[in-house]
Amino acid sequence: MTMDGLAHDVLAAGSDHFRMARHPERILFWCADALGGCELVSANWELMTGQLPDAALHDGWLDCIAGEDRPAVAAALREAAQNRCGFRIAYHLRLADGALRRVTHEGAARTLPSGVFNGLIGTISEDADSEAGEIVLQRSAQQIFAFLDQVPLAAIAVDLAGRATYANAVLFGELVVDRRRLLGSHWIEEWVAGTDRPAIADLVGQAVTPTALPREVEYHVETDGGRRLYRWHLTVICDARGQAVSVVMMGSDITRWREGGDRLRLTAQVFDHAKEAMVITDRTGSIIAVNDSFTRLTGYAREEAIGQNPRILQSGRHDAGFYRQMWESLARFGYWRGDIWDKRKDGSLYPKFLAITAIRDENGEVARYSAIFYDITDRKALEAELDYLAHYDPLTGLPNRMLLQDRLEREIAASARLGQHFALLFIDLDGFKAVNDVHGHGAGDELLQVVAQRLLAATRAMDTAARFGGDEFVVILTDVRDAAAAEKTAAKIVESLSAAYTLSGPLGPFEATISASVGVSLYPSDDQRPSDLINSADRAMYAAKNNGKGRVILHGRLSFQAS
């Protein structure tokens, strides 16, 4: 499906909301805006609850919650939105057959790499469906591909050798190629136009890291059916060790949009009946023509827009430097295109893709500017879900290895610039396997979730607590004064994790006790590189386990033993 299909056809009955996001198995996907109001639910919402997806929007989904639980759920969401933080809450959800089922609702702040908070994202799962933490980790990539099978955008995964390992039905349909011919082929060498290959050669290879990739890129794809221009949005899939194994590209055929500026001069009929919003200004920036789609999208009638400057649409989210760069591109290349936040007449803000083209007269002077734009709220929602799946552990809601690597690199850069110190704690749970083996994976999952909560409670908002894999966790302590300060926090964590846990087992609730072995490395005292800091803390952690467990070792010496 092209971006035209995304912007218009995927919306049923003219709805302004993207309502359906696929998610595998018996897990409900849920997304909220910056105020905590529901923006979308997964396609299986109606099947499980009996409520139509439209009815779930805003506060409607709360009708499916047991009445006595609603105030607490609403308060938890308001608090999470106000504090821009994650949440976890259990309550009873009314299913389609009228039965009440206890569920766990876990969410995280939708904070993309830009750092802008744009709402909450999370999952609702029946408590009985919880799986072993390690199994959930292994299936993270599968969930991403299951999601991509349903989105109305073209998607392809390319491994580090450049081979196409996955593509969804949308891409096969648009390129009109046989699945066997595409999968296993070298994507860049066999499908990307030769003129574009040098610019994107670095998208694959052993040196690929999440922070090195551009968020989006454009290039031409060539098939027997012709040459098409795609605009791709990129993410990375990592293995259980946190190493990049493939690059996922999700994009749309924008050939028509790139050609749109020139088409404006051909016929007024195309202009008036186009599904895309279009506007033409004179050389000074005064609007001289808009089409019906412009009126529908912005809320400004034709008579209100004519004579105005497009600045009436500015959202206030972009600074002067953003617009200066836009005009520099128009002056140098004759066009500018990109994502931008704008404002409707009623004051509501929305993201859109905008393409501006300078139209020159017979003397080569700029005579007009033409612009084509469309709402990309749907695509932003898809990006937010992919971002969450790629960066957060689905069981605990903590950052995963990929996001930990990014946070660690940023912390090293900031500490070097500010002359500060920080500590890295490598934590392994002593006795977790016994709980998991004796009482089952459900109890093991619950234990890992409680451990995650205790780690967050024992650290500051400025610190990072991440799940490294299995029963291993890593904590970055920002701006610590000295080794003693790091040691004190590590001791606090050991004490917290060693307190008794009340868990749910096959035979009913039971009490479990574990301990934690912690290894600590310091920056810049010990190491300078992320991998060195992790390895040093890992070795110190194993030294703690070998010296009796329930201990903290500060890179080379015993520093704390739990009582």
Protein backbone atom coordinates (compact mmCIF):
# COMPACT_ATOMS: atom_id res chain seq x y z
CA MET A 1 0.00 0.00 0.00
CA THR A 2 1.29 3.46 -0.86
CA MET A 3 1.37 6.42 1.53
CA ASP A 4 -1.85 7.52 -0.16
CA GLY A 5 -3.40 4.30 1.13
CA LEU A 6 -1.95 4.86 4.59
CA ALA A 7 -3.25 8.42 4.83
CA HIS A 8 -6.76 7.65 3.59
CA ASP A 9 -7.83 4.06 2.93
CA VAL A 10 -6.80 2.57 6.27
CA LEU A 11 -9.22 4.90 8.07
CA ALA A 12 -12.67 3.36 8.23
CA ALA A 13 -15.71 5.61 7.81
CA GLY A 14 -13.58 8.75 7.72
CA SER A 15 -12.37 8.32 11.31
CA ASP A 16 -9.59 10.67 12.43
CA HIS A 17 -7.93 7.97 14.52
CA PHE A 18 -5.71 5.07 13.60
CA ARG A 19 -7.56 2.36 15.46
CA MET A 20 -6.01 -0.99 14.65
CA ALA A 21 -2.53 -2.16 15.55
CA ARG A 22 -1.94 -5.91 15.30
CA HIS A 23 -0.32 -7.70 18.24
CA PRO A 24 0.21 -11.46 18.54
CA GLU A 25 -1.59 -13.95 20.76
CA ARG A 26 -3.52 -13.04 23.90
CA ILE A 27 -1.88 -9.70 24.54
CA LEU A 28 -3.79 -6.44 24.08
CA PHE A 29 -1.85 -3.47 22.76
CA TRP A 30 -2.82 -0.03 24.06
CA CYS A 31 -1.60 3.48 23.35
CA ALA A 32 -2.48 6.79 25.04
CA ASP A 33 -1.90 10.45 24.33
CA ALA A 34 0.05 12.86 26.51
CA LEU A 35 -2.97 13.30 28.82
CA GLY A 36 -3.52 9.57 29.30
CA GLY A 37 -6.48 9.27 26.91
CA CYS A 38 -6.62 6.12 24.78
CA GLU A 39 -5.48 6.73 21.18
CA LEU A 40 -5.61 3.19 19.80
CA VAL A 41 -6.14 -0.43 20.77
CA SER A 42 -5.05 -3.60 19.02
CA ALA A 43 -7.32 -5.46 16.62
CA ASN A 44 -8.01 -8.23 19.16
CA TRP A 45 -9.57 -5.74 21.63
CA GLU A 46 -13.10 -6.30 20.34
CA LEU A 47 -12.64 -10.09 20.30
CA MET A 48 -11.53 -10.17 23.95
CA THR A 49 -13.72 -7.44 25.46
CA GLY A 50 -16.69 -7.18 23.09
CA GLN A 51 -16.18 -3.41 22.85
CA LEU A 52 -15.78 -1.77 19.44
CA PRO A 53 -12.34 -0.15 18.90
CA ASP A 54 -13.99 3.25 18.30
CA ALA A 55 -15.78 3.04 21.63
CA ALA A 56 -12.47 2.40 23.41
CA LEU A 57 -10.96 5.76 22.44
CA HIS A 58 -10.34 8.50 25.02
CA ASP A 59 -11.85 7.20 28.31
CA GLY A 60 -14.22 4.70 26.67
CA TRP A 61 -12.00 1.68 27.34
CA LEU A 62 -12.43 2.21 31.09
CA ASP A 63 -15.99 0.86 30.68
CA CYS A 64 -14.45 -2.61 30.28
CA ILE A 65 -12.82 -2.42 33.73
CA ALA A 66 -14.59 -3.66 36.86
CA GLY A 67 -16.30 -0.69 38.47
CA GLU A 68 -14.42 -0.87 41.76
CA ASP A 69 -11.07 -0.86 39.90
CA ARG A 70 -11.72 2.11 37.57
CA PRO A 71 -10.76 4.98 39.94
CA ALA A 72 -7.37 3.43 40.69
CA VAL A 73 -6.66 2.75 37.01
CA ALA A 74 -7.65 6.26 35.94
CA ALA A 75 -5.51 7.77 38.71
CA ALA A 76 -2.50 5.61 37.75
CA LEU A 77 -2.72 6.73 34.14
CA ARG A 78 -3.07 10.40 35.05
CA GLU A 79 -0.04 10.15 37.32
CA ALA A 80 2.01 8.36 34.63
CA ALA A 81 1.10 11.02 32.05
CA GLN A 82 1.85 13.89 34.43
CA ASN A 83 5.20 12.41 35.52
CA ARG A 84 6.02 11.13 32.02
CA CYS A 85 6.96 7.74 33.41
CA GLY A 86 6.06 4.07 33.08
CA PHE A 87 3.48 2.26 35.20
CA ARG A 88 2.30 -1.23 36.14
CA ILE A 89 -1.11 -1.95 37.61
CA ALA A 90 -3.28 -5.04 38.03
CA TYR A 91 -7.07 -4.94 37.80
CA HIS A 92 -10.08 -6.94 36.58
CA LEU A 93 -11.09 -6.63 32.91
CA ARG A 94 -14.57 -7.61 31.75
CA LEU A 95 -14.34 -10.01 28.80
CA ALA A 96 -16.80 -10.40 25.93
CA ASP A 97 -18.62 -13.26 27.71
CA GLY A 98 -19.18 -11.07 30.78
CA ALA A 99 -16.57 -12.80 32.93
CA LEU A 100 -14.04 -10.77 34.90
CA ARG A 101 -10.40 -11.66 34.32
CA ARG A 102 -7.45 -10.35 36.31
CA VAL A 103 -4.97 -8.65 34.00
CA THR A 104 -1.67 -6.85 34.32
CA HIS A 105 -1.37 -3.51 32.51
CA GLU A 106 2.22 -2.44 31.91
CA GLY A 107 3.18 0.77 30.15
CA ALA A 108 6.10 3.02 29.40
CA ALA A 109 6.53 6.65 28.39
CA ARG A 110 6.50 7.12 24.62
CA THR A 111 9.74 9.03 24.52
CA LEU A 112 11.38 8.66 21.13
CA PRO A 113 15.13 9.23 20.62
CA SER A 114 14.35 12.91 20.09
CA GLY A 115 13.50 13.07 23.80
CA VAL A 116 9.98 14.46 23.24
CA PHE A 117 7.29 12.90 25.46
CA ASN A 118 4.30 12.02 23.32
CA GLY A 119 2.17 9.74 25.45
CA LEU A 120 2.10 6.22 26.87
CA ILE A 121 2.35 2.80 25.28
CA GLY A 122 1.81 -0.58 26.83
CA THR A 123 0.31 -4.05 26.93
CA ILE A 124 -2.57 -5.65 28.80
CA SER A 125 -2.09 -9.38 29.40
CA GLU A 126 -4.03 -11.98 31.31
CA ASP A 127 -2.03 -13.06 34.34
CA ALA A 128 -2.36 -16.70 33.31
CA ASP A 129 -0.63 -15.98 30.00
CA SER A 130 2.65 -14.81 31.51
CA GLU A 131 5.62 -16.75 30.17
CA ALA A 132 9.18 -17.34 31.36
CA GLY A 133 11.22 -14.16 31.12
CA GLU A 134 13.87 -15.73 28.93
CA ILE A 135 11.28 -17.00 26.45
CA VAL A 136 9.75 -13.54 26.21
CA LEU A 137 13.18 -12.10 25.47
CA GLN A 138 13.74 -14.57 22.65
CA ARG A 139 10.41 -13.73 21.06
CA SER A 140 10.86 -9.94 20.94
CA ALA A 141 12.02 -9.98 17.33
CA GLN A 142 9.18 -12.34 16.39
CA GLN A 143 6.69 -9.87 17.84
CA ILE A 144 8.14 -7.09 15.72
CA PHE A 145 7.80 -9.19 12.56
CA ALA A 146 4.27 -10.26 13.50
CA PHE A 147 3.44 -6.58 13.86
CA LEU A 148 5.04 -5.68 10.51
CA ASP A 149 2.97 -8.38 8.80
CA GLN A 150 -0.11 -6.27 9.54
CA VAL A 151 0.94 -2.65 9.07
CA PRO A 152 -0.13 -0.86 5.86
CA LEU A 153 3.47 0.10 5.03
CA ALA A 154 6.16 -1.71 3.08
CA ALA A 155 8.69 -3.39 5.39
CA ILE A 156 11.91 -5.33 4.88
CA ALA A 157 14.63 -6.69 7.19
CA VAL A 158 18.23 -6.89 5.96
CA ASP A 159 20.94 -8.79 7.85
CA LEU A 160 24.45 -7.45 8.37
CA ALA A 161 25.64 -9.17 5.19
CA GLY A 162 23.07 -7.21 3.19
CA ARG A 163 20.71 -10.14 2.53
CA ALA A 164 16.95 -9.67 2.67
CA THR A 165 15.74 -11.96 5.46
CA TYR A 166 12.13 -10.74 5.74
CA ALA A 167 9.62 -8.70 3.76
CA ASN A 168 5.93 -8.17 4.31
CA ALA A 169 3.07 -8.62 1.86
CA VAL A 170 2.80 -4.88 1.20
CA LEU A 171 6.33 -4.71 -0.20
CA PHE A 172 5.87 -7.84 -2.32
CA GLY A 173 2.66 -6.39 -3.72
CA GLU A 174 4.15 -3.00 -4.57
CA LEU A 175 7.31 -4.38 -6.18
CA VAL A 176 5.41 -7.21 -7.89
CA VAL A 177 8.24 -9.68 -7.30
CA ASP A 178 8.27 -13.33 -6.31
CA ARG A 179 8.98 -14.01 -2.64
CA ARG A 180 11.66 -16.59 -3.48
CA ARG A 181 13.47 -14.15 -5.72
CA LEU A 182 13.62 -11.37 -3.10
CA LEU A 183 14.35 -13.28 0.12
CA GLY A 184 18.00 -14.22 0.37
CA SER A 185 19.06 -11.73 -2.30
CA HIS A 186 21.43 -8.83 -1.61
CA TRP A 187 19.08 -5.90 -1.11
CA ILE A 188 21.40 -3.01 -1.95
CA GLU A 189 23.29 -4.62 -4.83
CA GLU A 190 20.28 -6.21 -6.53
CA TRP A 191 17.33 -3.92 -5.80
CA VAL A 192 18.58 -0.42 -4.98
CA ALA A 193 19.26 1.93 -7.92
CA GLY A 194 22.96 2.15 -8.69
CA THR A 195 23.04 5.94 -8.24
CA ASP A 196 21.72 5.58 -4.67
CA ARG A 197 23.91 2.69 -3.47
CA PRO A 198 26.94 4.72 -2.29
CA ALA A 199 24.77 6.91 -0.06
CA ILE A 200 23.26 3.96 1.83
CA ALA A 201 26.16 1.49 1.81
CA ASP A 202 26.64 2.01 5.57
CA LEU A 203 23.10 0.85 6.41
CA VAL A 204 24.33 -2.75 6.76
CA GLY A 205 27.56 -4.33 7.92
CA GLN A 206 29.26 -5.47 11.09
CA ALA A 207 29.87 -1.87 12.23
CA VAL A 208 26.16 -1.00 12.40
CA THR A 209 25.03 0.34 15.78
CA PRO A 210 21.60 1.71 16.70
CA THR A 211 22.93 5.21 17.31
CA ALA A 212 24.81 5.33 13.98
CA LEU A 213 21.75 4.78 11.80
CA PRO A 214 19.71 7.67 10.39
CA ARG A 215 16.11 7.72 11.51
CA GLU A 216 14.96 7.84 7.89
CA VAL A 217 16.41 7.66 4.41
CA GLU A 218 15.21 7.89 0.81
CA TYR A 219 16.37 5.81 -2.16
CA HIS A 220 15.08 4.30 -5.41
CA VAL A 221 14.14 0.62 -5.76
CA GLU A 222 14.35 -0.90 -9.24
CA THR A 223 12.33 -3.92 -10.42
CA ASP A 224 11.14 -5.27 -13.74
CA GLY A 225 8.11 -3.06 -13.28
CA GLY A 226 10.11 0.16 -13.12
CA ARG A 227 11.89 2.50 -10.73
CA ARG A 228 10.14 3.66 -7.54
CA LEU A 229 11.26 6.10 -4.84
CA TYR A 230 10.77 4.98 -1.22
CA ARG A 231 11.07 6.89 2.02
CA TRP A 232 12.19 4.47 4.78
CA HIS A 233 12.09 4.65 8.58
CA LEU A 234 14.79 2.53 10.22
CA THR A 235 15.26 0.52 13.40
CA VAL A 236 17.66 -2.23 14.52
CA ILE A 237 16.91 -5.73 15.81
CA CYS A 238 19.43 -7.17 18.28
CA ASP A 239 20.10 -10.71 19.45
CA ALA A 240 19.99 -11.89 23.08
CA ARG A 241 23.49 -10.45 23.63
CA GLY A 242 22.41 -6.99 22.50
CA GLN A 243 24.34 -7.22 19.20
CA ALA A 244 22.76 -5.86 16.02
CA VAL A 245 21.67 -8.68 13.67
CA SER A 246 19.47 -6.90 11.15
CA VAL A 247 18.16 -3.53 10.07
CA VAL A 248 14.40 -3.14 9.62
CA MET A 249 13.16 -0.59 7.10
CA MET A 250 9.51 0.49 7.11
CA GLY A 251 8.50 2.84 4.34
CA SER A 252 6.24 4.06 1.59
CA ASP A 253 6.37 4.61 -2.13
CA ILE A 254 6.65 8.41 -2.42
CA THR A 255 7.23 8.59 -6.17
CA ARG A 256 3.92 10.37 -6.67
CA TRP A 257 4.63 12.86 -3.90
CA ARG A 258 8.03 13.78 -5.30
CA GLU A 259 6.49 14.43 -8.68
CA GLY A 260 3.55 16.29 -7.15
CA GLY A 261 5.09 19.76 -7.25
CA ASP A 262 5.46 19.65 -11.02
CA ARG A 263 1.97 18.25 -11.51
CA LEU A 264 0.47 21.33 -9.90
CA ARG A 265 1.29 23.30 -13.03
CA LEU A 266 -0.38 20.81 -15.38
CA THR A 267 -4.06 20.98 -14.56
CA ALA A 268 -6.40 22.61 -12.07
CA GLN A 269 -8.47 19.42 -12.00
CA VAL A 270 -5.64 17.46 -10.42
CA PHE A 271 -5.17 20.24 -7.90
CA ASP A 272 -8.83 20.46 -6.92
CA HIS A 273 -9.50 16.73 -6.61
CA ALA A 274 -6.24 15.51 -5.10
CA LYS A 275 -6.52 13.63 -1.81
CA GLU A 276 -3.40 15.43 -0.58
CA ALA A 277 -3.65 18.93 0.85
CA MET A 278 -2.12 21.42 -1.61
CA VAL A 279 -1.30 25.11 -1.36
CA ILE A 280 0.34 27.60 -3.73
CA THR A 281 1.88 30.90 -2.67
CA ASP A 282 3.39 33.78 -4.58
CA ARG A 283 7.09 34.55 -4.32
CA THR A 284 6.52 36.57 -1.10
CA GLY A 285 4.77 33.68 0.64
CA SER A 286 1.16 34.90 0.40
CA ILE A 287 -1.31 32.07 -0.25
CA ILE A 288 -2.98 32.36 -3.67
CA ALA A 289 -4.64 28.93 -3.96
CA VAL A 290 -5.60 25.93 -1.80
CA ASN A 291 -7.57 22.80 -2.59
CA ASP A 292 -10.46 21.09 -0.82
CA SER A 293 -8.16 18.66 1.00
CA PHE A 294 -6.33 21.65 2.51
CA THR A 295 -9.63 22.90 3.91
CA ARG A 296 -10.57 19.50 5.33
CA LEU A 297 -7.19 18.96 6.98
CA THR A 298 -6.51 22.46 8.38
CA GLY A 299 -10.04 23.67 9.08
CA TYR A 300 -9.43 26.94 7.17
CA ALA A 301 -11.97 27.77 4.47
CA ARG A 302 -10.55 28.82 1.10
CA GLU A 303 -11.61 32.42 1.70
CA GLU A 304 -9.88 32.47 5.12
CA ALA A 305 -6.60 31.12 3.73
CA ILE A 306 -6.21 33.24 0.60
CA GLY A 307 -3.89 36.17 1.27
CA GLN A 308 -2.54 34.69 4.49
CA ASN A 309 1.01 33.44 5.04
CA PRO A 310 1.44 29.71 5.77
CA ARG A 311 2.76 30.81 9.17
CA ILE A 312 -0.87 30.61 10.35
CA LEU A 313 -0.30 26.83 10.45
CA GLN A 314 2.85 26.91 12.60
CA SER A 315 2.60 24.79 15.73
CA GLY A 316 5.26 26.58 17.78
CA ARG A 317 7.19 23.33 18.22
CA HIS A 318 10.00 24.26 15.83
CA ASP A 319 12.59 26.97 16.44
CA ALA A 320 13.92 29.60 14.05
CA GLY A 321 16.83 27.35 13.08
CA PHE A 322 14.43 24.72 11.73
CA TYR A 323 12.75 27.18 9.36
CA ARG A 324 16.07 28.77 8.40
CA GLN A 325 17.30 25.35 7.27
CA MET A 326 14.08 24.85 5.31
CA TRP A 327 14.56 28.11 3.35
CA GLU A 328 18.23 27.38 2.77
CA SER A 329 17.24 24.07 1.14
CA LEU A 330 14.63 25.81 -1.02
CA ALA A 331 17.19 28.39 -2.16
CA ARG A 332 19.91 25.82 -2.89
CA PHE A 333 17.99 22.82 -4.28
CA GLY A 334 14.56 24.23 -5.16
CA TYR A 335 12.71 21.92 -2.78
CA TRP A 336 12.35 20.88 0.87
CA ARG A 337 10.59 17.87 2.32
CA GLY A 338 10.32 16.39 5.77
CA ASP A 339 8.11 15.81 8.83
CA ILE A 340 6.75 18.85 10.61
CA TRP A 341 4.24 19.65 13.36
CA ASP A 342 1.47 22.04 12.36
CA LYS A 343 -1.67 23.52 13.89
CA ARG A 344 -5.26 23.41 12.67
CA LYS A 345 -7.65 26.33 12.91
CA ASP A 346 -9.15 24.88 16.11
CA GLY A 347 -5.70 24.92 17.74
CA SER A 348 -5.09 21.15 17.67
CA LEU A 349 -1.59 20.03 16.71
CA TYR A 350 -0.78 17.17 14.34
CA PRO A 351 2.30 15.79 12.53
CA LYS A 352 2.41 15.93 8.74
CA PHE A 353 4.75 15.18 5.87
CA LEU A 354 5.39 18.36 3.85
CA ALA A 355 6.98 18.74 0.42
CA ILE A 356 7.65 22.29 -0.85
CA THR A 357 8.81 23.01 -4.40
CA ALA A 358 9.98 26.33 -5.87
CA ILE A 359 8.37 26.99 -9.28
CA ARG A 360 10.48 29.16 -11.57
CA ASP A 361 9.46 31.31 -14.52
CA GLU A 362 11.03 31.36 -17.99
CA ASN A 363 13.87 33.53 -16.68
CA GLY A 364 14.75 31.06 -13.92
CA GLU A 365 13.40 33.30 -11.15
CA VAL A 366 11.19 31.91 -8.38
CA ALA A 367 7.62 32.83 -9.25
CA ARG A 368 5.61 30.51 -6.99
CA TYR A 369 5.96 27.97 -4.20
CA SER A 370 3.83 24.84 -4.21
CA ALA A 371 3.36 22.56 -1.21
CA ILE A 372 1.81 19.14 -0.75
CA PHE A 373 1.20 17.70 2.71
CA TYR A 374 -0.72 14.98 4.51
CA ASP A 375 -1.40 13.87 8.09
CA ILE A 376 1.10 11.26 9.38
CA THR A 377 -0.45 10.67 12.81
CA ASP A 378 -0.94 7.01 11.86
CA ARG A 379 2.70 6.54 10.92
CA LYS A 380 3.90 8.19 14.13
CA ALA A 381 1.79 5.72 16.12
CA LEU A 382 3.39 2.83 14.22
CA GLU A 383 6.85 4.27 14.86
CA ALA A 384 6.09 4.63 18.56
CA GLU A 385 5.04 0.98 18.84
CA LEU A 386 8.10 -0.22 16.93
CA ASP A 387 10.30 2.00 19.08
CA TYR A 388 8.89 0.41 22.24
CA LEU A 389 9.25 -3.15 20.93
CA ALA A 390 12.84 -2.46 19.89
CA HIS A 391 14.01 -0.68 23.05
CA TYR A 392 12.16 -2.11 26.07
CA ASP A 393 11.98 -5.52 27.71
CA PRO A 394 8.38 -6.75 27.27
CA LEU A 395 8.29 -8.57 30.65
CA THR A 396 9.63 -5.94 33.06
CA GLY A 397 9.17 -2.74 31.05
CA LEU A 398 12.81 -1.84 31.71
CA PRO A 399 15.17 -0.74 28.91
CA ASN A 400 16.68 -3.69 27.04
CA ARG A 401 20.28 -4.17 25.94
CA MET A 402 19.85 -2.02 22.86
CA LEU A 403 18.58 0.99 24.80
CA LEU A 404 21.12 0.34 27.58
CA GLN A 405 23.93 0.60 25.02
CA ASP A 406 22.56 3.94 23.80
CA ARG A 407 22.16 5.29 27.37
CA LEU A 408 25.68 4.15 28.28
CA GLU A 409 27.24 5.85 25.25
CA ARG A 410 25.37 9.06 26.06
CA GLU A 411 26.44 8.87 29.72
CA ILE A 412 30.10 8.48 28.75
CA ALA A 413 29.89 11.48 26.41
CA ALA A 414 28.11 13.64 29.00
CA SER A 415 30.47 12.67 31.85
CA ALA A 416 33.53 13.36 29.69
CA ARG A 417 32.15 16.77 28.74
CA LEU A 418 31.15 17.76 32.29
CA GLY A 419 34.06 16.12 34.10
CA GLN A 420 31.73 13.90 36.13
CA HIS A 421 31.92 10.28 37.32
CA PHE A 422 29.35 7.54 37.04
CA ALA A 423 29.10 3.91 38.12
CA LEU A 424 27.86 0.80 36.35
CA LEU A 425 26.35 -1.98 38.46
CA PHE A 426 26.06 -5.53 37.08
CA ILE A 427 23.47 -7.47 39.11
CA ASP A 428 22.80 -11.22 39.11
CA LEU A 429 20.02 -12.80 41.19
CA ASP A 430 21.15 -15.58 43.54
CA GLY A 431 18.49 -18.29 43.83
CA PHE A 432 16.26 -17.24 40.93
CA LYS A 433 16.63 -20.57 39.11
CA ALA A 434 15.38 -22.48 42.14
CA VAL A 435 12.21 -20.38 42.30
CA ASN A 436 11.67 -20.78 38.56
CA ASP A 437 12.25 -24.56 38.62
CA VAL A 438 10.22 -25.37 41.73
CA HIS A 439 7.27 -23.00 41.36
CA GLY A 440 7.10 -22.55 37.58
CA HIS A 441 7.80 -19.88 34.99
CA GLY A 442 4.82 -17.80 36.08
CA ALA A 443 6.32 -17.32 39.51
CA GLY A 444 9.71 -16.62 37.92
CA ASP A 445 8.20 -13.94 35.71
CA GLU A 446 6.45 -12.33 38.68
CA LEU A 447 9.70 -12.35 40.65
CA LEU A 448 11.56 -10.60 37.79
CA GLN A 449 8.82 -7.96 37.60
CA VAL A 450 9.03 -7.24 41.34
CA VAL A 451 12.83 -7.06 41.10
CA ALA A 452 12.44 -4.45 38.36
CA GLN A 453 10.11 -2.40 40.59
CA ARG A 454 12.54 -2.56 43.50
CA LEU A 455 15.43 -1.48 41.28
CA LEU A 456 13.45 1.55 40.15
CA ALA A 457 12.56 2.37 43.77
CA ALA A 458 16.21 2.08 44.87
CA THR A 459 17.55 4.37 42.14
CA ARG A 460 16.95 7.95 41.04
CA ALA A 461 14.93 9.13 38.06
CA MET A 462 18.18 10.26 36.41
CA ASP A 463 19.66 6.73 36.66
CA THR A 464 18.99 3.84 34.26
CA ALA A 465 17.92 0.35 35.35
CA ALA A 466 17.90 -2.15 32.47
CA ARG A 467 17.31 -5.86 32.04
CA PHE A 468 20.44 -7.41 30.56
CA GLY A 469 18.96 -10.87 30.02
CA GLY A 470 17.56 -13.76 32.07
CA ASP A 471 18.02 -12.83 35.75
CA GLU A 472 20.76 -10.24 35.08
CA PHE A 473 20.22 -6.49 35.38
CA VAL A 474 22.44 -3.45 34.82
CA VAL A 475 22.14 -0.06 36.55
CA ILE A 476 23.86 3.17 35.46
CA LEU A 477 24.30 5.54 38.41
CA THR A 478 24.67 9.05 36.99
CA ASP A 479 26.98 11.68 38.50
CA VAL A 480 28.30 9.78 41.55
CA ARG A 481 30.74 11.64 43.78
CA ASP A 482 33.11 8.75 44.43
CA ALA A 483 33.41 4.98 44.87
CA ALA A 484 31.86 5.18 48.33
CA ALA A 485 28.66 6.73 46.92
CA ALA A 486 28.38 3.97 44.32
CA GLU A 487 29.04 1.35 46.99
CA LYS A 488 26.32 2.80 49.21
CA THR A 489 23.69 2.61 46.46
CA ALA A 490 24.78 -0.93 45.54
CA ALA A 491 24.40 -1.95 49.18
CA LYS A 492 20.92 -0.44 49.22
CA ILE A 493 20.01 -2.48 46.12
CA VAL A 494 21.35 -5.72 47.65
CA GLU A 495 19.31 -5.08 50.79
CA SER A 496 16.16 -4.32 48.78
CA LEU A 497 16.44 -7.36 46.52
CA SER A 498 17.16 -9.66 49.46
CA ALA A 499 13.87 -8.86 51.22
CA ALA A 500 11.21 -11.61 51.04
CA TYR A 501 8.88 -11.85 48.01
CA THR A 502 5.24 -12.95 48.13
CA LEU A 503 4.57 -14.67 44.82
CA SER A 504 1.77 -16.61 43.14
CA GLY A 505 2.42 -20.33 42.62
CA PRO A 506 0.42 -23.26 41.23
CA LEU A 507 -0.65 -24.18 44.77
CA GLY A 508 -1.30 -20.63 45.89
CA PRO A 509 0.73 -17.72 47.26
CA PHE A 510 4.14 -18.51 48.72
CA GLU A 511 7.10 -16.60 50.11
CA ALA A 512 10.48 -16.67 48.38
CA THR A 513 13.84 -15.26 49.39
CA ILE A 514 16.74 -14.61 47.05
CA SER A 515 19.86 -12.48 47.19
CA ALA A 516 21.85 -10.46 44.67
CA SER A 517 25.51 -10.41 43.68
CA VAL A 518 26.63 -7.03 42.40
CA GLY A 519 29.78 -6.02 40.53
CA VAL A 520 30.64 -2.32 40.18
CA SER A 521 32.85 -0.49 37.66
CA LEU A 522 33.54 3.25 37.68
CA TYR A 523 33.99 5.81 34.93
CA PRO A 524 36.58 7.09 34.25
CA SER A 525 38.54 5.33 37.00
CA ASP A 526 38.28 1.84 35.48
CA ASP A 527 37.43 1.91 31.78
CA GLN A 528 36.54 4.32 29.00
CA ARG A 529 34.52 2.20 26.58
CA PRO A 530 30.98 0.81 27.14
CA SER A 531 32.03 -2.82 26.56
CA ASP A 532 34.97 -2.48 28.97
CA LEU A 533 32.78 -1.01 31.72
CA ILE A 534 30.25 -3.84 31.35
CA ASN A 535 32.96 -6.53 31.27
CA SER A 536 34.69 -5.12 34.37
CA ALA A 537 31.43 -5.02 36.31
CA ASP A 538 30.55 -8.51 35.06
CA ARG A 539 33.86 -9.93 36.31
CA ALA A 540 33.39 -8.20 39.65
CA MET A 541 29.89 -9.70 39.90
CA TYR A 542 31.23 -13.22 39.35
CA ALA A 543 33.85 -12.55 42.02
CA ALA A 544 30.99 -11.61 44.37
CA LYS A 545 29.19 -14.89 43.61
CA ASN A 546 32.37 -16.90 44.12
CA ASN A 547 32.93 -15.20 47.50
CA GLY A 548 29.64 -16.29 49.00
CA LYS A 549 26.94 -14.40 47.03
CA GLY A 550 24.78 -11.61 48.40
CA ARG A 551 27.75 -9.28 48.08
CA VAL A 552 29.00 -6.20 46.28
CA ILE A 553 32.49 -6.13 44.80
CA LEU A 554 33.90 -2.86 43.57
CA HIS A 555 36.08 -3.94 40.64
CA GLY A 556 38.80 -5.89 42.35
CA ARG A 557 37.98 -5.78 46.05
CA LEU A 558 35.29 -7.01 48.40
CA SER A 559 33.35 -3.99 49.61
CA PHE A 560 30.03 -5.13 51.08
CA GLN A 561 28.49 -8.32 52.36
CA ALA A 562 24.76 -8.66 52.97
CA SER A 563 23.86 -9.46 56.56
